[in-house]
């Protein structure tokens, strides 16, 4: 389109940029200022009825809880069903907004237990934000985050020849890294260990030498 009010008399081109990322927002979040803050940050929001979560950002399900609502959802056990629901998404996040101490009616250890349960049992990361503006900043960072190139993903380090031998010996019951190293330092090879006698192993394995030799001599049945 053209700016017909340009004072220079020349047609001035007016370009309009459309935000690349669209954040899906549950319609119940219209009562919050977070969507408006997102728009101020240059992001497009689309209100819809979300069955799960309050925001969907790049496929990440985000549940936003004001501090007061967080405790209400704990007492009526709604928080647990909501955490189960957002686990339908491979990536998810819980944002707890506001001052928890102000609305806390729980024992401190009970609160810590709830937070640990969300983190460990439901495997949902938690972010604490001070207000709606900061929540919007977190969401904007998610929306603008670029995916890492696959070539940057670190690969699992291969074991050295010596580490491979240690790994094999450590697989025996009652033998940890320290004993595995001592056995290999004494005998040098797995073949020599197999050909050794129980009394040769006793200085390192003690009573466990009998069990160790028993496994070496055990017959395989299928």
Foldseek 3Di string as FASTA:
>chain_A
DWDPPDPVPDTDDDDDDQAPWEKEFEPVCVVPCLQVLLVVVVYHYDYDHDPAAGIQAPQEHEHEAELQRVVVCVVVVVVVVNLVRSVVGVHYAYEYEADNVVNDPDDPVVVVVVVVCSCPVSVHYYHYYHHSNVVSVVSVCSNPDDDDDPVPDDDDDDDDPVVVQLVVVCVDPPDHSVLSVVLCVVQVDPVSVLVDDLVVSCVRRNVCSVVVNCVSPDDDDD
